[in-house]
Amino acid sequence: MTEKESRKRRLILFLVLITSFINPFLGGAINIALPSISEEFSMSALGMSWVAMIFLLSSAVFLVPLGKLADIRGRKRVFFYGNLLITLTSILSALAPSGSTLIIIRAFQGIGSAMVFGTGVAIITSVYPPGERGKAIGYSVTSVYAGLSLAPFLGGVLTQYLGWRSIFWFTIPFEFLVLWITWRYIHDEWADASGEKFDWRGSLLYVLSMTAFMYGFSRIPATYAIILAASGFTGLVLFTLFELRLSFPVFNISLFTRNRVFAFSNLAALINYATTFAITFLLSLFLQYVAGLSPRDAGMILVTQPVVMALVASYSGRLSDRYEPRILSSAGMAIIVGGLVMLTFLNDQRPMVYLVINLVIVGLGFGLFSSPNTNAIMGSVGRKFLGIASATVGTMRLTGQMTSMGIATMILQLFLGDRQLTADYAPEFLSAMKTSFFIFAVLCTLGVFASLARGRTRLR
């Protein structure tokens, strides 16, 4: 490898690390700012949750089509315009005059996030060989957790002293740096599926079906929500049948039907995120409404989990270049189960050190799971499918996060209805929180078996 190639790899990794930091930061910092946003715009608990959920929803439904588009038109191009969209929507979010306007802007910001996350890992996989790929992916995952780590603390500080809008202003200089470097120095497009036709009809069916399913799921048990979720699920079945007939599908179903490692690794990722993402959301509300902490103090406690994730993820990524990713990932999920079980016993009488220990355990498990699992997925497909594989990783992550928030929101609605959450409803909230953690622990246990079922991983 020449010095020029080495510099290009380092520059690309630097760009991906920045974007891997910014996107989860935008999601995580908003969680700590939700009470302040709710107070300013007089939003219900359900409306408040949608400020966070709409970002995940739009990201999840657009990841697969945009990942395929990147394979055809060029991953750098999609990566660049995704960052441009995030920059514009960050400015607009900081200027939002109402809660409904903020939710709409966040939907477009989620599309930008899909464009970035659907290409970042694929670009890394394109330029790093198998023997070094796990380490590079580990750094990327570490950057994600660094964003999550700073999000509660820095988001809490920004919200308390400068207001929640400052969260969006904070990210803009980083995005400008990424745009300038990408435009000036990155010239490769990595369009390994160039020449294929883009499946617009399949993409439209996928986006509409995923939107209906995930939105409907988040509003259950309402009757219309059940109908909407069922319609969305039916649409996804039709999408699968439609894609099987095409020469150039937007999503190659055979990646799941003929690739055991790819299928079960993605299933494990889906379950893992579905059982962990809402932890920060629920604990943020617990610390501020039940424990009575300020946004800054709540953020200082919640930073524990992602800090541990960041410390472990880089090392576990390097380990996955040498040892079986299936064993590392499965052990990580088993550790998470233990942390979730302990969280079901959390209440306002427990000392704060009990919560911190729980966050350390969950962070350790998540850090051990994520990098090896991502390395297994990206290493199980050929170069032609790297964009769609990267998009699938992101889709599993975001769909899992959306499912996690959907479960938490559904349970909150069962216990609280549409009432605005205040300290007066602390007992009802505690019951909802414990129920959520119990469901997450059961699902995560199933995820351990899904992770083990993938079989031996052979990285390409």
Protein backbone atom coordinates (compact mmCIF):
# COMPACT_ATOMS: atom_id res chain seq x y z
CA MET A 1 0.00 0.00 0.00
CA THR A 2 1.39 3.41 -1.01
CA GLU A 3 1.57 6.44 1.27
CA LYS A 4 -1.08 8.14 -0.88
CA GLU A 5 -3.52 5.25 -0.38
CA SER A 6 -2.80 5.24 3.34
CA ARG A 7 -3.55 8.97 3.59
CA LYS A 8 -6.79 8.50 1.64
CA ARG A 9 -7.91 5.76 4.01
CA ARG A 10 -7.17 7.89 7.06
CA LEU A 11 -9.04 10.87 5.58
CA ILE A 12 -12.07 8.75 4.73
CA LEU A 13 -12.07 7.22 8.19
CA PHE A 14 -11.85 10.74 9.67
CA LEU A 15 -14.95 11.85 7.72
CA VAL A 16 -16.92 8.77 8.73
CA LEU A 17 -15.88 9.23 12.36
CA ILE A 18 -17.23 12.80 12.39
CA THR A 19 -20.56 11.81 10.85
CA SER A 20 -20.75 8.74 13.08
CA PHE A 21 -20.48 11.14 16.00
CA ILE A 22 -22.90 13.84 14.83
CA ASN A 23 -25.94 11.70 13.95
CA PRO A 24 -26.25 9.81 17.26
CA PHE A 25 -25.46 13.04 19.10
CA LEU A 26 -28.45 14.72 17.45
CA GLY A 27 -30.65 11.81 18.50
CA GLY A 28 -29.30 11.39 22.02
CA ALA A 29 -29.10 15.06 22.96
CA ILE A 30 -32.73 15.56 21.97
CA ASN A 31 -33.77 12.91 24.51
CA ILE A 32 -32.35 14.96 27.37
CA ALA A 33 -33.92 18.14 25.95
CA LEU A 34 -37.43 16.72 25.49
CA PRO A 35 -38.82 18.05 28.79
CA SER A 36 -37.64 21.57 27.87
CA ILE A 37 -39.08 21.29 24.35
CA SER A 38 -42.34 19.95 25.77
CA GLU A 39 -42.56 22.86 28.23
CA GLU A 40 -41.90 25.51 25.57
CA PHE A 41 -44.43 24.09 23.10
CA SER A 42 -46.91 22.60 25.67
CA MET A 43 -46.64 19.11 24.17
CA SER A 44 -48.14 15.90 25.59
CA ALA A 45 -45.96 12.93 26.51
CA LEU A 46 -46.89 11.34 23.16
CA GLY A 47 -46.12 14.46 21.14
CA MET A 48 -42.86 14.90 23.02
CA SER A 49 -41.75 11.38 22.14
CA TRP A 50 -42.41 12.04 18.44
CA VAL A 51 -39.71 14.72 18.34
CA ALA A 52 -37.26 11.86 18.83
CA MET A 53 -39.20 9.13 17.03
CA ILE A 54 -39.82 10.90 13.70
CA PHE A 55 -36.05 11.18 13.14
CA LEU A 56 -35.73 7.42 13.59
CA LEU A 57 -38.80 6.66 11.46
CA SER A 58 -37.72 8.65 8.42
CA SER A 59 -34.15 7.34 8.69
CA ALA A 60 -35.34 3.74 8.89
CA VAL A 61 -37.75 3.83 5.94
CA PHE A 62 -35.32 5.56 3.54
CA LEU A 63 -32.12 3.69 4.36
CA VAL A 64 -32.62 0.71 2.05
CA PRO A 65 -33.62 2.69 -1.09
CA LEU A 66 -30.86 5.26 -0.52
CA GLY A 67 -28.28 2.53 0.16
CA LYS A 68 -29.13 0.91 -3.18
CA LEU A 69 -29.07 4.30 -4.91
CA ALA A 70 -25.58 4.85 -3.49
CA ASP A 71 -24.41 1.50 -4.95
CA ILE A 72 -25.63 2.63 -8.38
CA ARG A 73 -24.92 6.38 -8.46
CA GLY A 74 -21.95 6.57 -6.10
CA ARG A 75 -21.55 6.35 -2.33
CA LYS A 76 -19.54 9.58 -2.05
CA ARG A 77 -22.26 11.57 -3.83
CA VAL A 78 -25.02 10.29 -1.53
CA PHE A 79 -22.77 10.77 1.50
CA PHE A 80 -22.11 14.41 0.53
CA TYR A 81 -25.74 15.37 -0.12
CA GLY A 82 -26.83 13.61 3.05
CA ASN A 83 -24.50 15.79 5.09
CA LEU A 84 -25.74 18.86 3.25
CA LEU A 85 -29.33 17.99 4.16
CA ILE A 86 -28.39 17.46 7.81
CA THR A 87 -26.73 20.89 7.86
CA LEU A 88 -29.78 22.66 6.44
CA THR A 89 -32.24 20.89 8.73
CA SER A 90 -30.08 21.60 11.79
CA ILE A 91 -30.33 25.31 11.02
CA LEU A 92 -34.10 25.05 10.51
CA SER A 93 -34.55 22.97 13.69
CA ALA A 94 -32.76 25.64 15.70
CA LEU A 95 -35.23 28.21 14.33
CA ALA A 96 -38.41 26.08 14.68
CA PRO A 97 -41.38 28.16 15.89
CA SER A 98 -43.55 25.25 17.09
CA GLY A 99 -43.47 21.61 18.11
CA SER A 100 -45.24 20.45 14.94
CA THR A 101 -42.78 22.36 12.75
CA LEU A 102 -39.85 20.83 14.63
CA ILE A 103 -41.26 17.33 14.07
CA ILE A 104 -41.59 17.96 10.31
CA ILE A 105 -38.03 19.29 10.05
CA ARG A 106 -36.72 16.35 12.04
CA ALA A 107 -38.36 14.03 9.50
CA PHE A 108 -36.23 15.53 6.73
CA GLN A 109 -33.18 15.43 8.99
CA GLY A 110 -33.77 11.70 9.33
CA ILE A 111 -33.60 11.34 5.53
CA GLY A 112 -30.22 13.07 5.58
CA SER A 113 -29.09 10.73 8.32
CA ALA A 114 -30.17 7.75 6.19
CA MET A 115 -28.04 9.01 3.31
CA VAL A 116 -25.00 9.26 5.57
CA PHE A 117 -25.42 6.04 7.54
CA GLY A 118 -26.30 4.13 4.39
CA THR A 119 -22.89 4.96 2.89
CA GLY A 120 -20.39 5.51 5.72
CA VAL A 121 -19.69 1.90 6.69
CA ALA A 122 -19.89 0.85 3.04
CA ILE A 123 -17.15 3.33 2.11
CA ILE A 124 -14.95 2.05 4.96
CA THR A 125 -15.51 -1.52 3.79
CA SER A 126 -14.63 -0.48 0.23
CA VAL A 127 -11.20 0.90 1.16
CA TYR A 128 -10.10 -1.38 4.02
CA PRO A 129 -9.11 -5.05 3.46
CA PRO A 130 -10.62 -7.82 5.68
CA GLY A 131 -7.60 -7.96 8.01
CA GLU A 132 -7.96 -4.26 8.91
CA ARG A 133 -11.69 -3.74 8.41
CA GLY A 134 -12.78 -4.77 11.91
CA LYS A 135 -10.46 -2.22 13.48
CA ALA A 136 -11.76 0.56 11.19
CA ILE A 137 -15.38 -0.40 11.86
CA GLY A 138 -14.55 -0.54 15.55
CA TYR A 139 -13.34 3.06 15.39
CA SER A 140 -16.55 4.02 13.60
CA VAL A 141 -18.70 2.32 16.23
CA THR A 142 -16.60 3.96 18.95
CA SER A 143 -17.34 7.33 17.35
CA VAL A 144 -21.05 6.51 17.43
CA TYR A 145 -20.81 5.81 21.13
CA ALA A 146 -18.69 8.92 21.68
CA GLY A 147 -21.60 10.89 20.21
CA LEU A 148 -23.99 9.03 22.47
CA SER A 149 -21.63 9.58 25.40
CA LEU A 150 -21.44 13.33 24.98
CA ALA A 151 -25.12 13.65 24.04
CA PRO A 152 -26.63 13.36 27.55
CA PHE A 153 -23.95 15.46 29.27
CA LEU A 154 -23.32 18.11 26.61
CA GLY A 155 -26.98 18.12 25.60
CA GLY A 156 -27.92 18.68 29.23
CA VAL A 157 -25.40 21.50 29.66
CA LEU A 158 -26.43 23.19 26.41
CA THR A 159 -30.12 22.86 27.24
CA GLN A 160 -29.73 24.18 30.79
CA TYR A 161 -27.52 27.17 29.97
CA LEU A 162 -28.21 28.03 26.32
CA GLY A 163 -31.56 26.38 25.60
CA TRP A 164 -32.42 23.27 23.59
CA ARG A 165 -31.94 25.06 20.25
CA SER A 166 -28.20 25.30 20.90
CA ILE A 167 -27.95 21.52 20.39
CA PHE A 168 -28.52 22.04 16.66
CA TRP A 169 -26.22 25.05 16.37
CA PHE A 170 -23.45 22.98 17.98
CA THR A 171 -23.38 20.43 15.13
CA ILE A 172 -23.25 22.84 12.19
CA PRO A 173 -19.46 23.61 12.19
CA PHE A 174 -18.70 19.87 12.13
CA GLU A 175 -21.01 19.37 9.16
CA PHE A 176 -19.40 22.25 7.26
CA LEU A 177 -16.00 20.61 7.81
CA VAL A 178 -17.24 17.29 6.41
CA LEU A 179 -18.78 18.99 3.38
CA TRP A 180 -15.61 20.91 2.58
CA ILE A 181 -13.24 17.93 2.92
CA THR A 182 -15.53 15.64 0.91
CA TRP A 183 -15.92 18.19 -1.88
CA ARG A 184 -12.23 19.12 -1.97
CA TYR A 185 -10.35 15.89 -1.40
CA ILE A 186 -12.55 12.81 -2.01
CA HIS A 187 -12.86 11.94 -5.69
CA ASP A 188 -13.80 8.23 -5.75
CA GLU A 189 -17.49 7.35 -6.05
CA TRP A 190 -17.48 3.60 -5.23
CA ALA A 191 -20.44 2.86 -7.52
CA ASP A 192 -19.95 -0.93 -7.69
CA ALA A 193 -23.48 -1.48 -9.04
CA SER A 194 -23.16 1.20 -11.71
CA GLY A 195 -25.32 0.45 -14.74
CA GLU A 196 -28.14 -1.22 -12.84
CA LYS A 197 -31.62 0.26 -13.01
CA PHE A 198 -32.98 1.77 -9.82
CA ASP A 199 -36.22 0.15 -8.64
CA TRP A 200 -38.46 3.19 -8.07
CA ARG A 201 -41.71 1.21 -7.71
CA GLY A 202 -40.24 -1.18 -5.18
CA SER A 203 -38.71 1.75 -3.28
CA LEU A 204 -42.05 3.56 -3.09
CA LEU A 205 -43.84 0.41 -1.91
CA TYR A 206 -41.14 -0.17 0.71
CA VAL A 207 -41.21 3.42 2.05
CA LEU A 208 -45.03 3.52 2.29
CA SER A 209 -45.28 0.06 3.87
CA MET A 210 -42.50 0.68 6.41
CA THR A 211 -43.99 4.05 7.33
CA ALA A 212 -47.47 2.59 7.86
CA PHE A 213 -46.15 -0.36 9.85
CA MET A 214 -43.82 1.58 12.14
CA TYR A 215 -46.18 4.51 12.70
CA GLY A 216 -49.08 2.20 13.36
CA PHE A 217 -47.01 0.11 15.75
CA SER A 218 -46.05 3.20 17.74
CA ARG A 219 -49.74 4.18 18.26
CA ILE A 220 -51.09 0.78 19.35
CA PRO A 221 -53.53 -0.02 21.04
CA ALA A 222 -55.71 2.43 19.09
CA THR A 223 -57.90 0.61 16.54
CA TYR A 224 -56.72 2.69 13.59
CA ALA A 225 -53.11 2.01 14.61
CA ILE A 226 -53.65 -1.76 14.53
CA ILE A 227 -55.20 -1.47 11.06
CA LEU A 228 -52.33 0.74 9.89
CA ALA A 229 -49.67 -1.62 11.25
CA ALA A 230 -51.38 -4.63 9.68
CA SER A 231 -51.62 -2.81 6.33
CA GLY A 232 -47.94 -1.90 6.52
CA PHE A 233 -46.97 -5.49 7.29
CA THR A 234 -49.05 -6.72 4.34
CA GLY A 235 -47.31 -4.17 2.14
CA LEU A 236 -43.90 -5.46 3.23
CA VAL A 237 -44.94 -9.01 2.32
CA LEU A 238 -46.03 -7.78 -1.12
CA PHE A 239 -42.75 -5.87 -1.43
CA THR A 240 -40.81 -9.09 -0.77
CA LEU A 241 -42.78 -10.99 -3.43
CA PHE A 242 -42.37 -8.11 -5.89
CA GLU A 243 -38.60 -7.91 -5.36
CA LEU A 244 -38.14 -11.63 -6.00
CA ARG A 245 -39.36 -11.13 -9.59
CA LEU A 246 -36.93 -8.32 -10.51
CA SER A 247 -33.50 -8.53 -12.10
CA PHE A 248 -32.38 -5.36 -10.30
CA PRO A 249 -34.37 -5.16 -7.03
CA VAL A 250 -33.92 -2.30 -4.58
CA PHE A 251 -33.24 -4.98 -1.99
CA ASN A 252 -31.79 -8.37 -2.89
CA ILE A 253 -33.90 -10.78 -0.82
CA SER A 254 -31.40 -13.58 -1.46
CA LEU A 255 -29.02 -11.85 0.96
CA PHE A 256 -31.40 -13.08 3.65
CA THR A 257 -32.55 -16.37 2.13
CA ARG A 258 -29.12 -17.65 1.01
CA ASN A 259 -26.75 -15.98 3.47
CA ARG A 260 -27.20 -17.33 7.01
CA VAL A 261 -24.57 -15.09 8.56
CA PHE A 262 -26.09 -11.97 6.99
CA ALA A 263 -29.65 -12.90 7.98
CA PHE A 264 -29.09 -13.85 11.62
CA SER A 265 -26.53 -11.09 12.25
CA ASN A 266 -29.10 -8.53 11.11
CA LEU A 267 -31.81 -10.17 13.19
CA ALA A 268 -29.54 -10.00 16.23
CA ALA A 269 -28.86 -6.32 15.55
CA LEU A 270 -32.59 -5.59 15.21
CA ILE A 271 -33.38 -7.25 18.54
CA ASN A 272 -30.41 -5.66 20.27
CA TYR A 273 -31.40 -2.11 19.34
CA ALA A 274 -35.09 -2.82 19.99
CA THR A 275 -34.26 -3.69 23.59
CA THR A 276 -31.73 -0.97 24.42
CA PHE A 277 -32.45 2.33 22.66
CA ALA A 278 -35.37 3.45 24.84
CA ILE A 279 -33.28 2.97 27.99
CA THR A 280 -31.89 6.51 27.71
CA PHE A 281 -35.33 7.94 26.89
CA LEU A 282 -36.98 6.31 29.92
CA LEU A 283 -34.13 7.02 32.32
CA SER A 284 -33.96 10.65 31.20
CA LEU A 285 -37.62 11.05 32.20
CA PHE A 286 -37.04 9.07 35.42
CA LEU A 287 -34.12 11.24 36.52
CA GLN A 288 -35.85 14.55 35.75
CA TYR A 289 -39.47 13.84 36.71
CA VAL A 290 -39.08 11.25 39.48
CA ALA A 291 -35.61 11.90 40.92
CA GLY A 292 -35.95 15.66 40.37
CA LEU A 293 -32.54 16.19 38.73
CA SER A 294 -31.68 19.01 36.34
CA PRO A 295 -30.98 18.24 32.65
CA ARG A 296 -27.24 18.71 33.31
CA ASP A 297 -27.15 16.34 36.28
CA ALA A 298 -29.31 13.76 34.51
CA GLY A 299 -26.97 13.91 31.53
CA MET A 300 -23.91 13.38 33.72
CA ILE A 301 -25.40 10.11 34.98
CA LEU A 302 -26.67 8.87 31.61
CA VAL A 303 -23.27 9.46 30.02
CA THR A 304 -22.03 6.33 31.84
CA GLN A 305 -23.50 3.82 29.40
CA PRO A 306 -22.20 5.25 26.10
CA VAL A 307 -18.78 5.99 27.62
CA VAL A 308 -18.40 2.31 28.48
CA MET A 309 -19.69 1.43 25.00
CA ALA A 310 -17.05 3.63 23.37
CA LEU A 311 -14.24 2.16 25.46
CA VAL A 312 -15.24 -1.43 24.69
CA ALA A 313 -16.35 -1.11 21.03
CA SER A 314 -12.95 -0.19 19.60
CA TYR A 315 -11.26 -3.11 21.33
CA SER A 316 -14.00 -5.59 20.41
CA GLY A 317 -13.73 -4.50 16.76
CA ARG A 318 -10.03 -5.44 16.74
CA LEU A 319 -10.86 -8.71 18.46
CA SER A 320 -13.36 -9.57 15.71
CA ASP A 321 -10.53 -9.52 13.13
CA ARG A 322 -8.94 -12.42 15.02
CA TYR A 323 -11.73 -14.24 16.87
CA GLU A 324 -15.19 -15.50 15.97
CA PRO A 325 -17.61 -12.49 15.87
CA ARG A 326 -20.56 -14.78 16.71
CA ILE A 327 -19.16 -15.61 20.16
CA LEU A 328 -18.23 -12.02 20.97
CA SER A 329 -21.62 -10.64 19.91
CA SER A 330 -23.62 -13.33 21.71
CA ALA A 331 -21.68 -12.77 24.94
CA GLY A 332 -22.40 -9.05 24.65
CA MET A 333 -26.15 -9.62 24.33
CA ALA A 334 -26.15 -11.97 27.31
CA ILE A 335 -24.53 -9.24 29.42
CA ILE A 336 -27.21 -6.78 28.29
CA VAL A 337 -29.93 -9.17 29.49
CA GLY A 338 -28.42 -9.06 32.97
CA GLY A 339 -28.42 -5.25 32.96
CA LEU A 340 -32.05 -5.07 31.80
CA VAL A 341 -33.19 -7.47 34.51
CA MET A 342 -31.51 -5.27 37.12
CA LEU A 343 -33.24 -2.18 35.69
CA THR A 344 -36.66 -3.72 36.39
CA PHE A 345 -35.92 -3.22 40.11
CA LEU A 346 -35.10 0.49 39.75
CA ASN A 347 -37.21 2.96 41.76
CA ASP A 348 -36.88 6.30 43.53
CA GLN A 349 -35.64 4.57 46.70
CA ARG A 350 -32.60 2.97 45.10
CA PRO A 351 -29.25 4.79 45.51
CA MET A 352 -27.97 6.42 42.34
CA VAL A 353 -24.94 4.11 42.33
CA TYR A 354 -27.35 1.23 41.57
CA LEU A 355 -28.38 2.95 38.34
CA VAL A 356 -24.76 3.72 37.41
CA ILE A 357 -23.80 0.04 37.85
CA ASN A 358 -26.70 -0.94 35.58
CA LEU A 359 -25.55 1.51 32.93
CA VAL A 360 -21.99 0.13 33.09
CA ILE A 361 -23.29 -3.42 32.56
CA VAL A 362 -25.49 -2.48 29.59
CA GLY A 363 -22.68 -0.39 28.07
CA LEU A 364 -20.22 -3.27 28.40
CA GLY A 365 -22.60 -5.68 26.67
CA PHE A 366 -23.48 -3.26 23.89
CA GLY A 367 -19.83 -2.42 23.19
CA LEU A 368 -18.96 -6.11 23.00
CA PHE A 369 -21.85 -6.82 20.64
CA SER A 370 -21.91 -4.04 18.07
CA SER A 371 -18.49 -3.91 16.35
CA PRO A 372 -18.10 -7.70 15.86
CA ASN A 373 -21.70 -7.98 14.63
CA THR A 374 -21.24 -5.18 12.09
CA ASN A 375 -17.95 -6.68 10.93
CA ALA A 376 -19.71 -10.04 10.41
CA ILE A 377 -22.48 -8.43 8.31
CA MET A 378 -20.20 -6.33 6.10
CA GLY A 379 -17.74 -9.19 5.62
CA SER A 380 -20.44 -11.66 4.54
CA VAL A 381 -21.32 -9.95 1.21
CA GLY A 382 -19.53 -9.07 -2.03
CA ARG A 383 -18.45 -5.53 -2.96
CA LYS A 384 -21.47 -5.07 -5.23
CA PHE A 385 -23.77 -5.24 -2.19
CA LEU A 386 -21.75 -3.15 0.28
CA GLY A 387 -24.09 -0.15 0.05
CA ILE A 388 -27.23 -2.20 0.57
CA ALA A 389 -25.50 -4.17 3.36
CA SER A 390 -24.51 -0.94 5.08
CA ALA A 391 -28.07 0.34 4.62
CA THR A 392 -29.44 -2.90 6.04
CA VAL A 393 -27.22 -2.52 9.11
CA GLY A 394 -28.57 0.99 9.53
CA THR A 395 -32.14 -0.14 8.89
CA MET A 396 -31.89 -2.82 11.57
CA ARG A 397 -30.44 -0.25 13.95
CA LEU A 398 -33.06 2.41 13.26
CA THR A 399 -35.98 -0.02 12.99
CA GLY A 400 -34.86 -1.50 16.29
CA GLN A 401 -34.57 1.95 17.85
CA MET A 402 -37.99 2.88 16.50
CA THR A 403 -39.43 -0.38 17.82
CA SER A 404 -37.83 0.30 21.19
CA MET A 405 -39.36 3.78 21.32
CA GLY A 406 -42.65 2.38 20.05
CA ILE A 407 -42.81 -0.18 22.85
CA ALA A 408 -41.90 2.43 25.46
CA THR A 409 -44.37 4.97 24.06
CA MET A 410 -47.17 2.40 23.84
CA ILE A 411 -46.64 1.38 27.47
CA LEU A 412 -46.45 5.03 28.58
CA GLN A 413 -49.75 5.65 26.82
CA LEU A 414 -51.34 2.64 28.51
CA PHE A 415 -50.34 3.93 31.95
CA LEU A 416 -50.57 7.71 31.38
CA GLY A 417 -52.84 8.24 28.38
CA ASP A 418 -52.37 11.63 26.68
CA ARG A 419 -51.68 13.47 29.94
CA GLN A 420 -48.59 15.66 30.14
CA LEU A 421 -45.98 13.90 32.25
CA THR A 422 -45.34 15.61 35.61
CA ALA A 423 -44.02 14.58 39.01
CA ASP A 424 -47.64 14.00 40.11
CA TYR A 425 -47.77 10.91 37.89
CA ALA A 426 -44.49 9.40 39.11
CA PRO A 427 -46.09 6.10 40.32
CA GLU A 428 -47.74 5.49 36.95
CA PHE A 429 -44.51 6.33 35.15
CA LEU A 430 -42.47 3.94 37.33
CA SER A 431 -44.88 1.11 36.53
CA ALA A 432 -44.61 1.86 32.81
CA MET A 433 -40.81 2.02 32.98
CA LYS A 434 -40.44 -1.31 34.81
CA THR A 435 -42.85 -3.00 32.41
CA SER A 436 -40.81 -1.73 29.47
CA PHE A 437 -37.54 -3.03 30.91
CA PHE A 438 -39.10 -6.44 31.59
CA ILE A 439 -40.28 -6.74 27.97
CA PHE A 440 -36.85 -5.65 26.74
CA ALA A 441 -35.13 -8.31 28.87
CA VAL A 442 -37.33 -11.07 27.43
CA LEU A 443 -36.74 -9.93 23.84
CA CYS A 444 -32.99 -9.61 24.38
CA THR A 445 -32.86 -13.18 25.67
CA LEU A 446 -34.33 -14.30 22.33
CA GLY A 447 -31.69 -12.17 20.63
CA VAL A 448 -28.89 -14.19 22.22
CA PHE A 449 -30.19 -17.32 20.47
CA ALA A 450 -30.53 -15.45 17.16
CA SER A 451 -26.92 -14.33 17.46
CA LEU A 452 -25.70 -17.85 18.13
CA ALA A 453 -27.75 -19.28 15.25
CA ARG A 454 -25.80 -17.43 12.53
CA GLY A 455 -23.07 -20.08 12.40
CA ARG A 456 -19.36 -19.54 11.78
CA THR A 457 -18.44 -16.22 10.17
CA ARG A 458 -16.11 -16.11 7.15
CA LEU A 459 -15.07 -12.55 6.45
CA ARG A 460 -14.51 -11.60 2.76
